[in-house]
């Protein structure tokens, strides 16, 4: 997974520089029921350790929770109907 800033993404699209990358190592998933995760902060001036941890944990919560995953599916499959304010509401964050 690659995380970048919204402004960088708006300006450069898929060419935006990554702020934070996450790699999942699934080699032990079947045999040991274990997936190793490595996160690397690329721009420490843009993202703190605490912010990167929050991003990773929050992102995982959307993939591991069925009701939250519906928003991921909507983002990927029904883009025109996706509303970011639904994500903020799910996270109990202000949307304005």
PDB file of N, CA and C in Angstrom:
ATOM      1  N   UNK A   1       0.847  -1.165   0.000  1.00  0.00           N
ATOM      2  CA  UNK A   1       0.000   0.000   0.000  1.00  0.00           C
ATOM      3  C   UNK A   1       0.891   1.226   0.000  1.00  0.00           C
ATOM      4  N   UNK A   2       0.410   2.250  -0.658  1.00  0.00           N
ATOM      5  CA  UNK A   2       1.153   3.502  -0.719  1.00  0.00           C
ATOM      6  C   UNK A   2       0.229   4.631  -0.267  1.00  0.00           C
ATOM      7  N   UNK A   3       0.715   5.449   0.645  1.00  0.00           N
ATOM      8  CA  UNK A   3      -0.022   6.610   1.130  1.00  0.00           C
ATOM      9  C   UNK A   3       0.710   7.866   0.687  1.00  0.00           C
ATOM     10  N   UNK A   4      -0.052   8.841   0.228  1.00  0.00           N
ATOM     11  CA  UNK A   4       0.523  10.133  -0.131  1.00  0.00           C
ATOM     12  C   UNK A   4      -0.412  11.223   0.375  1.00  0.00           C
ATOM     13  N   UNK A   5       0.014  12.450   0.278  1.00  0.00           N
ATOM     14  CA  UNK A   5      -0.825  13.563   0.702  1.00  0.00           C
ATOM     15  C   UNK A   5      -1.866  13.899  -0.350  1.00  0.00           C
ATOM     16  N   UNK A   6      -3.015  14.377   0.086  1.00  0.00           N
ATOM     17  CA  UNK A   6      -4.101  14.709  -0.831  1.00  0.00           C
ATOM     18  C   UNK A   6      -3.672  15.776  -1.831  1.00  0.00           C
ATOM     19  N   UNK A   7      -3.004  16.805  -1.370  1.00  0.00           N
ATOM     20  CA  UNK A   7      -2.578  17.876  -2.276  1.00  0.00           C
ATOM     21  C   UNK A   7      -1.598  17.352  -3.321  1.00  0.00           C
ATOM     22  N   UNK A   8      -0.660  16.501  -2.901  1.00  0.00           N
ATOM     23  CA  UNK A   8       0.276  15.911  -3.862  1.00  0.00           C
ATOM     24  C   UNK A   8      -0.460  15.036  -4.866  1.00  0.00           C
ATOM     25  N   UNK A   9      -1.445  14.288  -4.391  1.00  0.00           N
ATOM     26  CA  UNK A   9      -2.202  13.427  -5.292  1.00  0.00           C
ATOM     27  C   UNK A   9      -3.010  14.251  -6.297  1.00  0.00           C
ATOM     28  N   UNK A  10      -3.612  15.324  -5.802  1.00  0.00           N
ATOM     29  CA  UNK A  10      -4.378  16.188  -6.704  1.00  0.00           C
ATOM     30  C   UNK A  10      -3.471  16.792  -7.779  1.00  0.00           C
ATOM     31  N   UNK A  11      -2.257  17.162  -7.394  1.00  0.00           N
ATOM     32  CA  UNK A  11      -1.337  17.810  -8.325  1.00  0.00           C
ATOM     33  C   UNK A  11      -0.655  16.825  -9.273  1.00  0.00           C
ATOM     34  N   UNK A  12      -0.343  15.618  -8.774  1.00  0.00           N
ATOM     35  CA  UNK A  12       0.479  14.689  -9.564  1.00  0.00           C
ATOM     36  C   UNK A  12      -0.181  13.347  -9.858  1.00  0.00           C
ATOM     37  N   UNK A  13      -1.353  13.112  -9.310  1.00  0.00           N
ATOM     38  CA  UNK A  13      -2.051  11.845  -9.550  1.00  0.00           C
ATOM     39  C   UNK A  13      -1.220  10.649  -9.131  1.00  0.00           C
ATOM     40  N   UNK A  14      -1.167   9.644  -9.980  1.00  0.00           N
ATOM     41  CA  UNK A  14      -0.435   8.423  -9.648  1.00  0.00           C
ATOM     42  C   UNK A  14       1.075   8.625  -9.580  1.00  0.00           C
ATOM     43  N   UNK A  15       1.534   9.791  -9.979  1.00  0.00           N
ATOM     44  CA  UNK A  15       2.967  10.104  -9.903  1.00  0.00           C
ATOM     45  C   UNK A  15       3.328  10.813  -8.591  1.00  0.00           C
ATOM     46  N   UNK A  16       2.357  10.989  -7.709  1.00  0.00           N
ATOM     47  CA  UNK A  16       2.618  11.645  -6.422  1.00  0.00           C
ATOM     48  C   UNK A  16       3.615  10.824  -5.607  1.00  0.00           C
ATOM     49  N   UNK A  17       4.478  11.525  -4.912  1.00  0.00           N
ATOM     50  CA  UNK A  17       5.488  10.850  -4.091  1.00  0.00           C
ATOM     51  C   UNK A  17       4.835  10.179  -2.882  1.00  0.00           C
ATOM     52  N   UNK A  18       5.249   8.960  -2.575  1.00  0.00           N
ATOM     53  CA  UNK A  18       4.700   8.292  -1.390  1.00  0.00           C
ATOM     54  C   UNK A  18       5.245   8.916  -0.105  1.00  0.00           C
ATOM     55  N   UNK A  19       4.347   9.059   0.880  1.00  0.00           N
ATOM     56  CA  UNK A  19       4.771   9.517   2.206  1.00  0.00           C
ATOM     57  C   UNK A  19       5.053   8.313   3.101  1.00  0.00           C
ATOM     58  N   UNK A  20       4.305   7.228   2.841  1.00  0.00           N
ATOM     59  CA  UNK A  20       4.327   6.066   3.724  1.00  0.00           C
ATOM     60  C   UNK A  20       3.998   4.843   2.881  1.00  0.00           C
ATOM     61  N   UNK A  21       4.790   3.786   3.004  1.00  0.00           N
ATOM     62  CA  UNK A  21       4.502   2.552   2.284  1.00  0.00           C
ATOM     63  C   UNK A  21       4.325   1.409   3.277  1.00  0.00           C
ATOM     64  N   UNK A  22       3.458   0.485   2.929  1.00  0.00           N
ATOM     65  CA  UNK A  22       3.186  -0.676   3.785  1.00  0.00           C
ATOM     66  C   UNK A  22       3.275  -1.931   2.927  1.00  0.00           C
ATOM     67  N   UNK A  23       4.005  -2.911   3.431  1.00  0.00           N
ATOM     68  CA  UNK A  23       4.136  -4.190   2.745  1.00  0.00           C
ATOM     69  C   UNK A  23       3.647  -5.298   3.672  1.00  0.00           C
ATOM     70  N   UNK A  24       2.835  -6.190   3.116  1.00  0.00           N
ATOM     71  CA  UNK A  24       2.341  -7.352   3.852  1.00  0.00           C
ATOM     72  C   UNK A  24       3.087  -8.584   3.350  1.00  0.00           C
ATOM     73  N   UNK A  25       3.660  -9.337   4.279  1.00  0.00           N
ATOM     74  CA  UNK A  25       4.365 -10.571   3.944  1.00  0.00           C
ATOM     75  C   UNK A  25       3.476 -11.734   4.354  1.00  0.00           C
ATOM     76  N   UNK A  26       2.926 -12.422   3.356  1.00  0.00           N
ATOM     77  CA  UNK A  26       1.913 -13.445   3.606  1.00  0.00           C
ATOM     78  C   UNK A  26       2.465 -14.873   3.574  1.00  0.00           C
ATOM     79  N   UNK A  27       3.774 -15.018   3.575  1.00  0.00           N
ATOM     80  CA  UNK A  27       4.383 -16.343   3.460  1.00  0.00           C
ATOM     81  C   UNK A  27       3.954 -17.311   4.570  1.00  0.00           C
ATOM     82  N   UNK A  28       3.645 -16.794   5.751  1.00  0.00           N
ATOM     83  CA  UNK A  28       3.268 -17.650   6.875  1.00  0.00           C
ATOM     84  C   UNK A  28       1.762 -17.685   7.128  1.00  0.00           C
ATOM     85  N   UNK A  29       0.995 -17.074   6.244  1.00  0.00           N
ATOM     86  CA  UNK A  29      -0.452 -16.972   6.461  1.00  0.00           C
ATOM     87  C   UNK A  29      -1.112 -18.339   6.588  1.00  0.00           C
ATOM     88  N   UNK A  30      -0.827 -19.225   5.662  1.00  0.00           N
ATOM     89  CA  UNK A  30      -1.462 -20.546   5.708  1.00  0.00           C
ATOM     90  C   UNK A  30      -0.879 -21.436   6.781  1.00  0.00           C
ATOM     91  N   UNK A  31       0.440 -21.539   6.835  1.00  0.00           N
ATOM     92  CA  UNK A  31       1.078 -22.494   7.747  1.00  0.00           C
ATOM     93  C   UNK A  31       1.016 -22.075   9.211  1.00  0.00           C
ATOM     94  N   UNK A  32       1.054 -20.771   9.493  1.00  0.00           N
ATOM     95  CA  UNK A  32       1.097 -20.309  10.888  1.00  0.00           C
ATOM     96  C   UNK A  32      -0.016 -19.337  11.241  1.00  0.00           C
ATOM     97  N   UNK A  33      -0.852 -18.973  10.266  1.00  0.00           N
ATOM     98  CA  UNK A  33      -1.919 -18.006  10.528  1.00  0.00           C
ATOM     99  C   UNK A  33      -1.368 -16.637  10.887  1.00  0.00           C
ATOM    100  N   UNK A  34      -0.270 -16.267  10.240  1.00  0.00           N
ATOM    101  CA  UNK A  34       0.446 -15.043  10.599  1.00  0.00           C
ATOM    102  C   UNK A  34       0.819 -14.262   9.339  1.00  0.00           C
ATOM    103  N   UNK A  35       0.571 -12.961   9.357  1.00  0.00           N
ATOM    104  CA  UNK A  35       0.995 -12.078   8.275  1.00  0.00           C
ATOM    105  C   UNK A  35       1.865 -10.993   8.908  1.00  0.00           C
ATOM    106  N   UNK A  36       3.073 -10.863   8.393  1.00  0.00           N
ATOM    107  CA  UNK A  36       3.975  -9.826   8.892  1.00  0.00           C
ATOM    108  C   UNK A  36       3.724  -8.540   8.114  1.00  0.00           C
ATOM    109  N   UNK A  37       3.859  -7.409   8.811  1.00  0.00           N
ATOM    110  CA  UNK A  37       3.599  -6.107   8.202  1.00  0.00           C
ATOM    111  C   UNK A  37       4.810  -5.208   8.439  1.00  0.00           C
ATOM    112  N   UNK A  38       5.212  -4.531   7.377  1.00  0.00           N
ATOM    113  CA  UNK A  38       6.304  -3.562   7.497  1.00  0.00           C
ATOM    114  C   UNK A  38       5.825  -2.232   6.946  1.00  0.00           C
ATOM    115  N   UNK A  39       6.001  -1.190   7.715  1.00  0.00           N
ATOM    116  CA  UNK A  39       5.650   0.156   7.274  1.00  0.00           C
ATOM    117  C   UNK A  39       6.891   1.022   7.245  1.00  0.00           C
ATOM    118  N   UNK A  40       7.063   1.768   6.175  1.00  0.00           N
ATOM    119  CA  UNK A  40       8.211   2.660   6.042  1.00  0.00           C
ATOM    120  C   UNK A  40       7.730   4.072   5.752  1.00  0.00           C
ATOM    121  N   UNK A  41       8.137   5.004   6.608  1.00  0.00           N
ATOM    122  CA  UNK A  41       7.823   6.413   6.370  1.00  0.00           C
ATOM    123  C   UNK A  41       8.885   6.959   5.432  1.00  0.00           C
ATOM    124  N   UNK A  42       8.446   7.429   4.276  1.00  0.00           N
ATOM    125  CA  UNK A  42       9.363   7.934   3.259  1.00  0.00           C
ATOM    126  C   UNK A  42       9.728   9.389   3.545  1.00  0.00           C
ATOM    127  N   UNK A  43       8.723  10.195   3.902  1.00  0.00           N
ATOM    128  CA  UNK A  43       8.952  11.606   4.207  1.00  0.00           C
ATOM    129  C   UNK A  43       8.637  11.861   5.678  1.00  0.00           C
ATOM    130  N   UNK A  44       9.649  11.815   6.525  1.00  0.00           N
ATOM    131  CA  UNK A  44       9.432  12.058   7.951  1.00  0.00           C
ATOM    132  C   UNK A  44       9.007  13.493   8.213  1.00  0.00           C
ATOM    133  N   UNK A  45       9.272  14.391   7.281  1.00  0.00           N
ATOM    134  CA  UNK A  45       8.838  15.779   7.453  1.00  0.00           C
ATOM    135  C   UNK A  45       7.337  15.926   7.198  1.00  0.00           C
ATOM    136  N   UNK A  46       6.730  14.949   6.539  1.00  0.00           N
ATOM    137  CA  UNK A  46       5.308  15.013   6.199  1.00  0.00           C
ATOM    138  C   UNK A  46       4.443  14.152   7.109  1.00  0.00           C
ATOM    139  N   UNK A  47       5.045  13.168   7.785  1.00  0.00           N
ATOM    140  CA  UNK A  47       4.270  12.181   8.538  1.00  0.00           C
ATOM    141  C   UNK A  47       5.062  11.717   9.749  1.00  0.00           C
ATOM    142  N   UNK A  48       4.437  11.765  10.922  1.00  0.00           N
ATOM    143  CA  UNK A  48       5.106  11.284  12.136  1.00  0.00           C
ATOM    144  C   UNK A  48       4.867   9.788  12.305  1.00  0.00           C
ATOM    145  N   UNK A  49       5.605   9.171  13.208  1.00  0.00           N
ATOM    146  CA  UNK A  49       5.400   7.755  13.516  1.00  0.00           C
ATOM    147  C   UNK A  49       3.969   7.510  13.993  1.00  0.00           C
ATOM    148  N   UNK A  50       3.475   8.410  14.825  1.00  0.00           N
ATOM    149  CA  UNK A  50       2.121   8.259  15.368  1.00  0.00           C
ATOM    150  C   UNK A  50       1.064   8.352  14.266  1.00  0.00           C
ATOM    151  N   UNK A  51       1.250   9.279  13.337  1.00  0.00           N
ATOM    152  CA  UNK A  51       0.311   9.424  12.225  1.00  0.00           C
ATOM    153  C   UNK A  51       0.346   8.198  11.314  1.00  0.00           C
ATOM    154  N   UNK A  52       1.535   7.673  11.057  1.00  0.00           N
ATOM    155  CA  UNK A  52       1.663   6.476  10.221  1.00  0.00           C
ATOM    156  C   UNK A  52       0.994   5.275  10.896  1.00  0.00           C
ATOM    157  N   UNK A  53       1.182   5.139  12.185  1.00  0.00           N
ATOM    158  CA  UNK A  53       0.533   4.056  12.930  1.00  0.00           C
ATOM    159  C   UNK A  53      -0.974   4.190  12.843  1.00  0.00           C
ATOM    160  N   UNK A  54      -1.489   5.402  13.024  1.00  0.00           N
ATOM    161  CA  UNK A  54      -2.934   5.632  12.926  1.00  0.00           C
ATOM    162  C   UNK A  54      -3.444   5.284  11.528  1.00  0.00           C
ATOM    163  N   UNK A  55      -2.727   5.715  10.491  1.00  0.00           N
ATOM    164  CA  UNK A  55      -3.130   5.403   9.114  1.00  0.00           C
ATOM    165  C   UNK A  55      -3.202   3.898   8.887  1.00  0.00           C
ATOM    166  N   UNK A  56      -2.185   3.184   9.323  1.00  0.00           N
ATOM    167  CA  UNK A  56      -2.150   1.735   9.125  1.00  0.00           C
ATOM    168  C   UNK A  56      -3.289   1.047   9.874  1.00  0.00           C
ATOM    169  N   UNK A  57      -3.453   1.378  11.144  1.00  0.00           N
ATOM    170  CA  UNK A  57      -4.505   0.748  11.943  1.00  0.00           C
ATOM    171  C   UNK A  57      -5.897   1.085  11.405  1.00  0.00           C
ATOM    172  N   UNK A  58      -6.092   2.317  10.999  1.00  0.00           N
ATOM    173  CA  UNK A  58      -7.396   2.729  10.484  1.00  0.00           C
ATOM    174  C   UNK A  58      -7.691   2.053   9.151  1.00  0.00           C
ATOM    175  N   UNK A  59      -6.693   2.011   8.279  1.00  0.00           N
ATOM    176  CA  UNK A  59      -6.877   1.337   6.984  1.00  0.00           C
ATOM    177  C   UNK A  59      -7.208  -0.134   7.192  1.00  0.00           C
ATOM    178  N   UNK A  60      -6.468  -0.791   8.050  1.00  0.00           N
ATOM    179  CA  UNK A  60      -6.731  -2.208   8.327  1.00  0.00           C
ATOM    180  C   UNK A  60      -8.137  -2.404   8.873  1.00  0.00           C
ATOM    181  N   UNK A  61      -8.612  -1.456   9.672  1.00  0.00           N
ATOM    182  CA  UNK A  61      -9.952  -1.602  10.252  1.00  0.00           C
ATOM    183  C   UNK A  61     -11.027  -1.617   9.170  1.00  0.00           C
ATOM    184  N   UNK A  62     -10.778  -0.961   8.035  1.00  0.00           N
ATOM    185  CA  UNK A  62     -11.741  -0.965   6.942  1.00  0.00           C
ATOM    186  C   UNK A  62     -11.709  -2.281   6.160  1.00  0.00           C
ATOM    187  N   UNK A  63     -10.583  -2.952   6.178  1.00  0.00           N
ATOM    188  CA  UNK A  63     -10.475  -4.224   5.464  1.00  0.00           C
ATOM    189  C   UNK A  63     -10.863  -5.413   6.340  1.00  0.00           C
ATOM    190  N   UNK A  64     -10.825  -5.254   7.640  1.00  0.00           N
ATOM    191  CA  UNK A  64     -11.100  -6.372   8.546  1.00  0.00           C
ATOM    192  C   UNK A  64     -12.492  -6.329   9.161  1.00  0.00           C
ATOM    193  N   UNK A  65     -13.257  -5.300   8.883  1.00  0.00           N
ATOM    194  CA  UNK A  65     -14.594  -5.142   9.439  1.00  0.00           C
ATOM    195  C   UNK A  65     -15.594  -5.116   8.280  1.00  0.00           C
ATOM    196  N   UNK A  66     -16.537  -6.060   8.284  1.00  0.00           N
ATOM    197  CA  UNK A  66     -17.464  -6.194   7.161  1.00  0.00           C
ATOM    198  C   UNK A  66     -18.239  -4.917   6.856  1.00  0.00           C
ATOM    199  N   UNK A  67     -18.745  -4.238   7.882  1.00  0.00           N
ATOM    200  CA  UNK A  67     -19.535  -3.036   7.616  1.00  0.00           C
ATOM    201  C   UNK A  67     -18.652  -1.904   7.077  1.00  0.00           C
ATOM    202  N   UNK A  68     -17.429  -1.798   7.571  1.00  0.00           N
ATOM    203  CA  UNK A  68     -16.518  -0.780   7.049  1.00  0.00           C
ATOM    204  C   UNK A  68     -16.028  -1.133   5.652  1.00  0.00           C
ATOM    205  N   UNK A  69     -15.881  -2.429   5.385  1.00  0.00           N
ATOM    206  CA  UNK A  69     -15.396  -2.853   4.070  1.00  0.00           C
ATOM    207  C   UNK A  69     -16.364  -2.463   2.956  1.00  0.00           C
ATOM    208  N   UNK A  70     -17.621  -2.313   3.297  1.00  0.00           N
ATOM    209  CA  UNK A  70     -18.605  -1.875   2.295  1.00  0.00           C
ATOM    210  C   UNK A  70     -18.206  -0.523   1.699  1.00  0.00           C
ATOM    211  N   UNK A  71     -17.597   0.334   2.504  1.00  0.00           N
ATOM    212  CA  UNK A  71     -17.120   1.625   1.992  1.00  0.00           C
ATOM    213  C   UNK A  71     -15.938   1.441   1.034  1.00  0.00           C
ATOM    214  N   UNK A  72     -15.084   0.469   1.319  1.00  0.00           N
ATOM    215  CA  UNK A  72     -13.960   0.167   0.419  1.00  0.00           C
ATOM    216  C   UNK A  72     -14.515  -0.317  -0.919  1.00  0.00           C
ATOM    217  N   UNK A  73     -15.474  -1.227  -0.860  1.00  0.00           N
ATOM    218  CA  UNK A  73     -16.089  -1.737  -2.089  1.00  0.00           C
ATOM    219  C   UNK A  73     -16.766  -0.617  -2.876  1.00  0.00           C
ATOM    220  N   UNK A  74     -17.467   0.239  -2.164  1.00  0.00           N
ATOM    221  CA  UNK A  74     -18.142   1.344  -2.838  1.00  0.00           C
ATOM    222  C   UNK A  74     -17.123   2.269  -3.510  1.00  0.00           C
ATOM    223  N   UNK A  75     -16.036   2.560  -2.819  1.00  0.00           N
ATOM    224  CA  UNK A  75     -14.983   3.409  -3.390  1.00  0.00           C
ATOM    225  C   UNK A  75     -14.429   2.799  -4.679  1.00  0.00           C
ATOM    226  N   UNK A  76     -14.243   1.477  -4.674  1.00  0.00           N
ATOM    227  CA  UNK A  76     -13.647   0.799  -5.825  1.00  0.00           C
ATOM    228  C   UNK A  76     -14.628   0.475  -6.943  1.00  0.00           C
ATOM    229  N   UNK A  77     -15.877   0.188  -6.593  1.00  0.00           N
ATOM    230  CA  UNK A  77     -16.821  -0.310  -7.596  1.00  0.00           C
ATOM    231  C   UNK A  77     -17.931   0.668  -7.951  1.00  0.00           C
ATOM    232  N   UNK A  78     -18.275   1.558  -7.049  1.00  0.00           N
ATOM    233  CA  UNK A  78     -19.359   2.517  -7.273  1.00  0.00           C
ATOM    234  C   UNK A  78     -18.852   3.921  -6.969  1.00  0.00           C
ATOM    235  N   UNK A  79     -17.782   4.282  -7.623  1.00  0.00           N
ATOM    236  CA  UNK A  79     -17.061   5.520  -7.326  1.00  0.00           C
ATOM    237  C   UNK A  79     -17.964   6.747  -7.320  1.00  0.00           C
ATOM    238  N   UNK A  80     -18.881   6.817  -8.247  1.00  0.00           N
ATOM    239  CA  UNK A  80     -19.732   8.012  -8.340  1.00  0.00           C
ATOM    240  C   UNK A  80     -20.654   8.155  -7.134  1.00  0.00           C
ATOM    241  N   UNK A  81     -20.916   7.057  -6.433  1.00  0.00           N
ATOM    242  CA  UNK A  81     -21.790   7.102  -5.257  1.00  0.00           C
ATOM    243  C   UNK A  81     -21.016   7.229  -3.947  1.00  0.00           C
ATOM    244  N   UNK A  82     -19.680   7.117  -4.028  1.00  0.00           N
ATOM    245  CA  UNK A  82     -18.855   7.169  -2.820  1.00  0.00           C
ATOM    246  C   UNK A  82     -18.817   8.588  -2.260  1.00  0.00           C
ATOM    247  N   UNK A  83     -18.989   8.698  -0.960  1.00  0.00           N
ATOM    248  CA  UNK A  83     -18.915   9.984  -0.258  1.00  0.00           C
ATOM    249  C   UNK A  83     -17.881   9.867   0.862  1.00  0.00           C
ATOM    250  N   UNK A  84     -16.835  10.703   0.793  1.00  0.00           N
ATOM    251  CA  UNK A  84     -15.794  10.639   1.822  1.00  0.00           C
ATOM    252  C   UNK A  84     -16.354  10.964   3.204  1.00  0.00           C
ATOM    253  N   UNK A  85     -17.409  11.774   3.256  1.00  0.00           N
ATOM    254  CA  UNK A  85     -18.002  12.110   4.551  1.00  0.00           C
ATOM    255  C   UNK A  85     -18.509  10.856   5.263  1.00  0.00           C
ATOM    256  N   UNK A  86     -18.843   9.794   4.514  1.00  0.00           N
ATOM    257  CA  UNK A  86     -19.243   8.526   5.140  1.00  0.00           C
ATOM    258  C   UNK A  86     -18.074   7.880   5.877  1.00  0.00           C
ATOM    259  N   UNK A  87     -16.883   8.025   5.319  1.00  0.00           N
ATOM    260  CA  UNK A  87     -15.678   7.529   5.991  1.00  0.00           C
ATOM    261  C   UNK A  87     -15.465   8.317   7.281  1.00  0.00           C
ATOM    262  N   UNK A  88     -15.553   9.645   7.183  1.00  0.00           N
ATOM    263  CA  UNK A  88     -15.369  10.488   8.370  1.00  0.00           C
ATOM    264  C   UNK A  88     -16.412  10.168   9.439  1.00  0.00           C
ATOM    265  N   UNK A  89     -17.641   9.957   9.019  1.00  0.00           N
ATOM    266  CA  UNK A  89     -18.709   9.604   9.957  1.00  0.00           C
ATOM    267  C   UNK A  89     -18.399   8.263  10.638  1.00  0.00           C
ATOM    268  N   UNK A  90     -17.937   7.292   9.867  1.00  0.00           N
ATOM    269  CA  UNK A  90     -17.582   5.987  10.410  1.00  0.00           C
ATOM    270  C   UNK A  90     -16.472   6.116  11.456  1.00  0.00           C
ATOM    271  N   UNK A  91     -15.541   7.020  11.200  1.00  0.00           N
ATOM    272  CA  UNK A  91     -14.436   7.246  12.126  1.00  0.00           C
ATOM    273  C   UNK A  91     -14.781   8.228  13.240  1.00  0.00           C
ATOM    274  N   UNK A  92     -16.027   8.710  13.213  1.00  0.00           N
ATOM    275  CA  UNK A  92     -16.510   9.694  14.186  1.00  0.00           C
ATOM    276  C   UNK A  92     -15.623  10.939  14.189  1.00  0.00           C
ATOM    277  N   UNK A  93     -15.321  11.413  12.967  1.00  0.00           N
ATOM    278  CA  UNK A  93     -14.510  12.614  12.791  1.00  0.00           C
ATOM    279  C   UNK A  93     -15.392  13.708  12.189  1.00  0.00           C
ATOM    280  N   UNK A  94     -15.115  14.958  12.501  1.00  0.00           N
ATOM    281  CA  UNK A  94     -15.908  16.046  11.908  1.00  0.00           C
ATOM    282  C   UNK A  94     -15.722  16.088  10.399  1.00  0.00           C
ATOM    283  N   UNK A  95     -16.796  16.401   9.678  1.00  0.00           N
ATOM    284  CA  UNK A  95     -16.709  16.439   8.216  1.00  0.00           C
ATOM    285  C   UNK A  95     -16.759  17.849   7.664  1.00  0.00           C
ATOM    286  N   UNK A  96     -16.669  18.833   8.499  1.00  0.00           N
ATOM    287  CA  UNK A  96     -16.747  20.192   7.982  1.00  0.00           C
ATOM    288  C   UNK A  96     -15.821  21.088   8.613  1.00  0.00           C
TER     289      UNK A  96
END
